[in-house]
N, C-alpha and C. Protein backbone atom coordinates (compact mmCIF):
# COMPACT_ATOMS: atom_id res chain seq x y z
N UNK A 1 28.68 -10.25 52.79
CA UNK A 1 30.05 -10.76 53.03
C UNK A 1 31.08 -9.75 53.56
N UNK A 2 31.60 -9.88 54.47
CA UNK A 2 32.78 -8.88 54.82
C UNK A 2 34.17 -9.54 54.52
N UNK A 3 34.47 -9.22 53.35
CA UNK A 3 35.88 -10.04 53.00
C UNK A 3 37.08 -9.87 53.53
N UNK A 4 37.20 -8.58 54.58
CA UNK A 4 38.03 -8.57 55.52
C UNK A 4 38.08 -9.49 56.45
N UNK A 5 37.18 -9.80 57.06
CA UNK A 5 37.08 -10.82 57.87
C UNK A 5 37.22 -12.36 57.79
N UNK A 6 36.82 -12.52 56.37
CA UNK A 6 36.96 -13.66 55.86
C UNK A 6 38.46 -14.06 55.36
N UNK A 7 38.91 -12.79 54.67
CA UNK A 7 40.34 -12.95 54.39
C UNK A 7 41.58 -13.56 55.76
N UNK A 8 40.98 -12.89 57.04
CA UNK A 8 41.90 -13.02 58.32
C UNK A 8 41.37 -14.53 58.56
N UNK A 9 40.35 -15.17 58.71
CA UNK A 9 39.82 -16.38 58.73
C UNK A 9 40.99 -17.20 57.95
N UNK A 10 40.98 -16.92 56.47
CA UNK A 10 41.48 -17.81 55.90
C UNK A 10 43.08 -17.98 56.17
N UNK A 11 43.59 -16.57 56.43
CA UNK A 11 45.08 -16.28 56.90
C UNK A 11 45.25 -17.27 57.80
N UNK A 12 44.37 -17.28 59.24
CA UNK A 12 44.47 -18.19 60.45
C UNK A 12 44.93 -19.57 59.97
N UNK A 13 43.85 -19.86 58.92
CA UNK A 13 43.67 -21.64 58.54
C UNK A 13 45.53 -21.76 57.65
N UNK A 14 45.49 -20.85 56.88
CA UNK A 14 46.63 -21.10 56.25
C UNK A 14 47.90 -20.92 57.48
N UNK A 15 48.15 -20.18 58.42
CA UNK A 15 49.22 -20.30 59.34
C UNK A 15 48.92 -21.42 60.07
N UNK A 16 47.93 -22.00 60.37
CA UNK A 16 47.90 -22.91 61.39
C UNK A 16 48.40 -24.51 60.66
N UNK A 17 48.21 -24.37 59.32
CA UNK A 17 48.71 -25.50 58.38
C UNK A 17 49.84 -25.55 57.60
N UNK A 18 50.65 -24.59 57.88
CA UNK A 18 51.99 -24.55 57.39
C UNK A 18 52.97 -25.41 57.30
N UNK A 19 53.13 -25.95 58.40
CA UNK A 19 54.07 -27.35 58.39
C UNK A 19 53.53 -28.51 57.86
N UNK A 20 52.22 -28.83 57.76
CA UNK A 20 51.38 -29.73 56.94
C UNK A 20 51.74 -29.79 55.68
N UNK A 21 51.39 -28.31 55.13
CA UNK A 21 51.48 -27.92 53.65
C UNK A 21 53.10 -28.16 53.12
N UNK A 22 53.61 -27.92 53.79
CA UNK A 22 55.26 -28.21 53.43
C UNK A 22 55.77 -29.36 53.20
N UNK A 23 55.06 -30.28 54.08
CA UNK A 23 55.06 -31.72 54.01
C UNK A 23 54.36 -32.31 52.93
N UNK A 24 53.44 -31.56 52.52
CA UNK A 24 52.48 -32.17 51.42
C UNK A 24 53.14 -31.57 50.14
N UNK A 25 53.81 -30.45 50.04
CA UNK A 25 54.29 -29.71 48.88
C UNK A 25 55.49 -30.29 48.63
N UNK A 26 56.51 -31.15 49.65
CA UNK A 26 57.64 -31.69 49.41
C UNK A 26 57.55 -32.95 50.24
N UNK A 27 56.97 -34.18 49.94
CA UNK A 27 56.85 -35.28 50.64
C UNK A 27 58.04 -36.00 50.45
N UNK A 28 58.30 -36.90 51.38
CA UNK A 28 59.50 -37.80 51.46
C UNK A 28 59.25 -38.63 50.40
N UNK A 29 60.63 -38.92 49.51
CA UNK A 29 60.61 -39.71 48.58
C UNK A 29 59.63 -39.74 47.51
N UNK A 30 59.12 -38.51 47.37
CA UNK A 30 58.35 -38.34 46.22
C UNK A 30 58.37 -36.68 45.62
N UNK A 31 57.89 -36.64 44.44
CA UNK A 31 58.08 -35.25 43.78
C UNK A 31 57.38 -34.27 44.38
N UNK A 32 57.16 -33.14 44.08
CA UNK A 32 56.32 -31.98 44.41
C UNK A 32 55.08 -32.38 44.50
N UNK A 33 54.15 -31.93 45.35
CA UNK A 33 52.76 -32.48 45.60
C UNK A 33 52.61 -33.79 45.16
N UNK A 34 53.36 -34.64 45.31
CA UNK A 34 53.27 -35.85 44.78
C UNK A 34 52.12 -36.82 45.31
N UNK A 35 51.59 -36.42 46.53
CA UNK A 35 50.71 -37.28 47.25
C UNK A 35 49.32 -36.68 46.98
N UNK A 36 49.05 -36.58 45.76
CA UNK A 36 47.99 -35.86 45.35
C UNK A 36 46.73 -36.31 46.09
N UNK A 37 46.51 -37.39 46.69
CA UNK A 37 45.29 -37.90 47.61
C UNK A 37 45.09 -37.19 48.73
N UNK A 38 46.35 -36.90 49.53
CA UNK A 38 46.43 -36.53 50.61
C UNK A 38 46.19 -34.67 50.38
N UNK A 39 46.78 -34.17 49.26
CA UNK A 39 46.74 -32.80 49.15
C UNK A 39 45.18 -32.81 48.80
N UNK A 40 44.40 -33.41 48.19
CA UNK A 40 43.00 -33.39 47.62
C UNK A 40 42.42 -33.33 49.10
N UNK A 41 42.30 -34.39 49.84
CA UNK A 41 41.73 -34.51 51.37
C UNK A 41 42.30 -33.08 52.31
N UNK A 42 43.62 -32.93 52.17
CA UNK A 42 43.66 -31.42 52.78
C UNK A 42 43.12 -30.18 52.60
N UNK A 43 42.97 -30.02 51.01
CA UNK A 43 42.09 -28.77 50.26
C UNK A 43 40.72 -28.71 50.79
N UNK A 44 40.14 -30.22 50.80
CA UNK A 44 38.85 -30.05 51.13
C UNK A 44 38.62 -29.92 52.51
N UNK A 45 39.49 -30.07 53.42
CA UNK A 45 39.26 -29.56 54.69
C UNK A 45 39.78 -28.21 54.95
N UNK A 46 40.55 -28.02 54.31
CA UNK A 46 41.11 -26.44 54.25
C UNK A 46 39.68 -25.78 54.02
N UNK A 47 39.20 -25.78 52.66
CA UNK A 47 37.92 -25.16 52.10
C UNK A 47 36.72 -25.41 53.06
N UNK A 48 36.41 -26.45 53.72
CA UNK A 48 35.01 -26.97 54.15
C UNK A 48 34.25 -25.76 54.82
N UNK A 49 35.01 -24.60 55.49
CA UNK A 49 34.22 -23.55 56.25
C UNK A 49 34.58 -22.26 55.60
N UNK A 50 34.76 -22.26 54.49
CA UNK A 50 34.87 -21.35 53.65
C UNK A 50 33.58 -20.97 53.03
N UNK A 51 33.06 -19.87 53.07
CA UNK A 51 31.51 -19.80 52.35
C UNK A 51 31.42 -19.43 51.06
N UNK A 52 30.74 -19.96 50.43
CA UNK A 52 30.84 -20.10 48.81
C UNK A 52 30.91 -18.65 48.25
N UNK A 53 30.09 -17.83 49.03
CA UNK A 53 30.27 -16.19 48.31
C UNK A 53 31.53 -15.58 48.71
N UNK A 54 32.89 -16.52 48.84
CA UNK A 54 33.98 -15.68 48.81
C UNK A 54 34.57 -15.98 47.40
N UNK A 55 33.97 -16.48 46.71
CA UNK A 55 34.54 -16.79 45.29
C UNK A 55 33.83 -15.33 44.32
N UNK A 56 34.64 -14.85 43.70
CA UNK A 56 34.24 -13.41 43.17
C UNK A 56 32.96 -13.50 42.32
N UNK A 57 32.07 -12.83 42.01
CA UNK A 57 30.76 -12.95 41.58
C UNK A 57 31.30 -12.58 39.95
N UNK A 58 32.14 -11.99 39.37
CA UNK A 58 32.71 -11.85 38.25
C UNK A 58 33.60 -13.05 37.83
N UNK A 59 33.36 -14.09 37.30
CA UNK A 59 34.07 -15.23 36.72
C UNK A 59 35.31 -14.87 36.20
N UNK A 60 35.62 -13.98 35.74
CA UNK A 60 36.90 -13.62 35.18
C UNK A 60 37.95 -12.94 36.61
N UNK A 61 37.32 -12.67 37.62
CA UNK A 61 38.37 -12.21 38.75
C UNK A 61 38.57 -13.48 39.83
N UNK A 62 39.38 -12.90 40.38
CA UNK A 62 40.29 -14.07 41.78
C UNK A 62 39.97 -13.01 43.10
N UNK A 63 39.82 -13.87 43.88
CA UNK A 63 39.98 -13.59 45.31
C UNK A 63 41.35 -14.12 45.82
N UNK A 64 42.11 -13.54 46.28
CA UNK A 64 43.62 -13.71 46.58
C UNK A 64 43.81 -13.59 47.94
N UNK A 65 44.36 -14.44 48.85
CA UNK A 65 44.52 -14.53 50.33
C UNK A 65 46.25 -14.84 50.14
N UNK A 66 46.97 -13.87 51.03
CA UNK A 66 48.34 -14.28 51.30
C UNK A 66 48.68 -14.32 52.66
N UNK A 67 49.45 -15.29 52.84
CA UNK A 67 49.85 -14.98 54.34
C UNK A 67 51.63 -15.84 54.42
N UNK A 68 52.58 -15.00 54.50
CA UNK A 68 53.82 -15.31 54.14
C UNK A 68 54.29 -15.66 52.79
N UNK A 69 54.66 -16.77 52.91
CA UNK A 69 55.06 -17.47 51.60
C UNK A 69 53.89 -18.24 50.58
N UNK A 70 52.69 -18.10 51.22
CA UNK A 70 51.62 -19.10 50.81
C UNK A 70 50.69 -18.01 50.24
N UNK A 71 49.92 -18.67 49.25
CA UNK A 71 48.79 -17.83 48.77
C UNK A 71 47.68 -18.60 48.21
N UNK A 72 46.58 -18.42 48.61
CA UNK A 72 45.41 -19.29 48.09
C UNK A 72 44.85 -18.12 46.96
N UNK A 73 44.55 -18.63 45.63
CA UNK A 73 43.52 -18.01 44.79
C UNK A 73 42.21 -18.71 44.43
N UNK A 74 41.47 -17.95 44.93
CA UNK A 74 39.81 -18.37 44.61
C UNK A 74 39.65 -17.78 43.20
N UNK A 75 39.01 -18.74 42.52
CA UNK A 75 38.59 -18.45 41.08
C UNK A 75 37.77 -19.29 40.53
N UNK A 76 37.23 -18.79 39.20
CA UNK A 76 36.25 -19.99 38.40
C UNK A 76 37.15 -20.36 37.49
N UNK A 77 36.87 -22.22 37.01
CA UNK A 77 37.54 -22.55 36.27
C UNK A 77 36.39 -23.37 35.56
N UNK A 78 36.30 -23.42 34.29
CA UNK A 78 35.32 -23.99 33.41
C UNK A 78 34.00 -23.98 33.99
N UNK A 79 33.65 -22.75 34.67
CA UNK A 79 32.34 -22.16 35.43
C UNK A 79 32.06 -23.12 36.84
N UNK A 80 33.26 -23.59 37.30
CA UNK A 80 33.24 -24.31 38.35
C UNK A 80 33.99 -23.45 39.54
N UNK A 81 34.00 -23.52 40.68
CA UNK A 81 34.66 -23.03 41.82
C UNK A 81 36.19 -23.73 41.90
N UNK A 82 36.97 -23.01 41.71
CA UNK A 82 38.22 -23.57 41.68
C UNK A 82 39.26 -22.67 43.13
N UNK A 83 40.53 -23.53 43.32
CA UNK A 83 41.50 -22.92 44.56
C UNK A 83 42.60 -23.32 44.04
N UNK A 84 43.51 -22.52 44.12
CA UNK A 84 45.18 -22.76 43.49
C UNK A 84 45.70 -22.54 44.91
N UNK A 85 46.31 -23.43 45.47
CA UNK A 85 47.44 -23.09 46.23
C UNK A 85 48.54 -22.99 46.07
N UNK A 86 49.43 -22.36 46.37
CA UNK A 86 50.72 -21.56 45.68
C UNK A 86 51.72 -21.38 46.86
N UNK A 87 53.00 -22.08 46.67
CA UNK A 87 54.14 -21.33 47.58
C UNK A 87 55.06 -20.59 46.81
N UNK A 88 55.12 -19.56 47.33
CA UNK A 88 55.93 -18.37 46.46
C UNK A 88 57.36 -18.95 46.06
N UNK A 89 58.21 -20.08 46.89
CA UNK A 89 59.61 -20.31 46.54
C UNK A 89 59.46 -21.40 45.58
N UNK A 90 58.24 -21.96 44.88
CA UNK A 90 58.21 -22.90 44.10
C UNK A 90 57.11 -22.82 43.06
N UNK A 91 57.67 -23.70 41.80
CA UNK A 91 56.40 -22.93 40.78
C UNK A 91 55.57 -23.97 40.54
N UNK A 92 55.31 -25.07 41.24
CA UNK A 92 54.46 -26.11 41.35
C UNK A 92 53.41 -25.74 42.43
N UNK A 93 51.97 -25.76 41.89
CA UNK A 93 50.69 -25.57 42.52
C UNK A 93 49.89 -26.82 42.91
N UNK A 94 48.95 -26.51 43.69
CA UNK A 94 48.05 -27.24 44.12
C UNK A 94 46.56 -26.72 43.88
N UNK A 95 46.15 -26.97 42.58
CA UNK A 95 44.81 -26.70 41.92
C UNK A 95 44.04 -27.72 41.94
N UNK A 96 42.88 -27.18 42.66
CA UNK A 96 41.83 -27.99 42.94
C UNK A 96 40.36 -27.34 42.11
N UNK A 97 39.53 -28.06 41.86
CA UNK A 97 38.30 -27.87 40.78
C UNK A 97 37.04 -28.72 41.75
N UNK A 98 36.12 -28.14 41.95
CA UNK A 98 34.80 -28.35 42.75
C UNK A 98 33.94 -29.09 41.61
N UNK A 99 33.52 -30.67 41.92
CA UNK A 99 33.00 -31.58 41.26
C UNK A 99 31.73 -31.31 41.25
N UNK A 100 30.54 -32.33 40.56
CA UNK A 100 29.24 -32.03 40.70
C UNK A 100 28.67 -32.33 42.16
N UNK A 101 29.26 -32.83 43.13
CA UNK A 101 28.90 -33.49 44.30
C UNK A 101 29.42 -32.19 45.42
N UNK A 102 30.04 -31.33 45.11
CA UNK A 102 30.69 -30.11 45.94
C UNK A 102 31.76 -30.66 46.64
N UNK A 103 32.66 -31.63 46.19
CA UNK A 103 33.81 -31.80 46.61
C UNK A 103 34.85 -31.49 45.93
N UNK A 104 35.81 -30.68 46.34
CA UNK A 104 37.06 -30.45 45.40
C UNK A 104 38.06 -31.65 45.05
N UNK A 105 38.06 -31.78 43.45
CA UNK A 105 39.14 -32.70 43.09
C UNK A 105 40.16 -32.24 42.28
N UNK A 106 41.31 -32.79 42.00
CA UNK A 106 42.48 -32.75 41.38
C UNK A 106 42.09 -32.11 40.13
N UNK A 107 42.54 -30.84 39.99
CA UNK A 107 42.32 -30.42 38.63
C UNK A 107 43.87 -30.18 38.02
N UNK A 108 45.00 -29.66 38.84
CA UNK A 108 46.27 -29.76 38.25
C UNK A 108 47.39 -29.82 39.52
N UNK A 109 47.04 -30.63 40.24
CA UNK A 109 48.01 -30.56 41.46
C UNK A 109 49.50 -31.11 40.86
N UNK A 110 50.53 -30.01 41.31
CA UNK A 110 51.87 -30.61 40.89
C UNK A 110 52.40 -29.72 39.50
N UNK A 111 51.23 -29.00 38.89
CA UNK A 111 51.40 -28.39 37.72
C UNK A 111 52.44 -27.01 37.96
N UNK A 112 52.63 -26.89 37.04
CA UNK A 112 53.20 -25.16 37.32
C UNK A 112 52.90 -24.20 36.42
């Protein structure tokens, strides 16, 4: 796996979705990341083309991709693949974890 190429592809996906991510982060008439089902749907779409080998082999490590004020942390949580979407100007994050069916589900969306 060429992590430099993968990192570039992930940055492009983040850049292409910045407006949507802001709408998900600050939904109208709701709290931060308040529309959790939409966030989970977005995260599954965002992660659908990312190869599984992007997650670090060592389950204690992180693979981090930054683009502007956004960051994606690829990690392991409870021995499952997990991803945390972070906006640097807000302490609430969109953290999802993979279920047994290979879909990402809410782990701590809106937590800080």
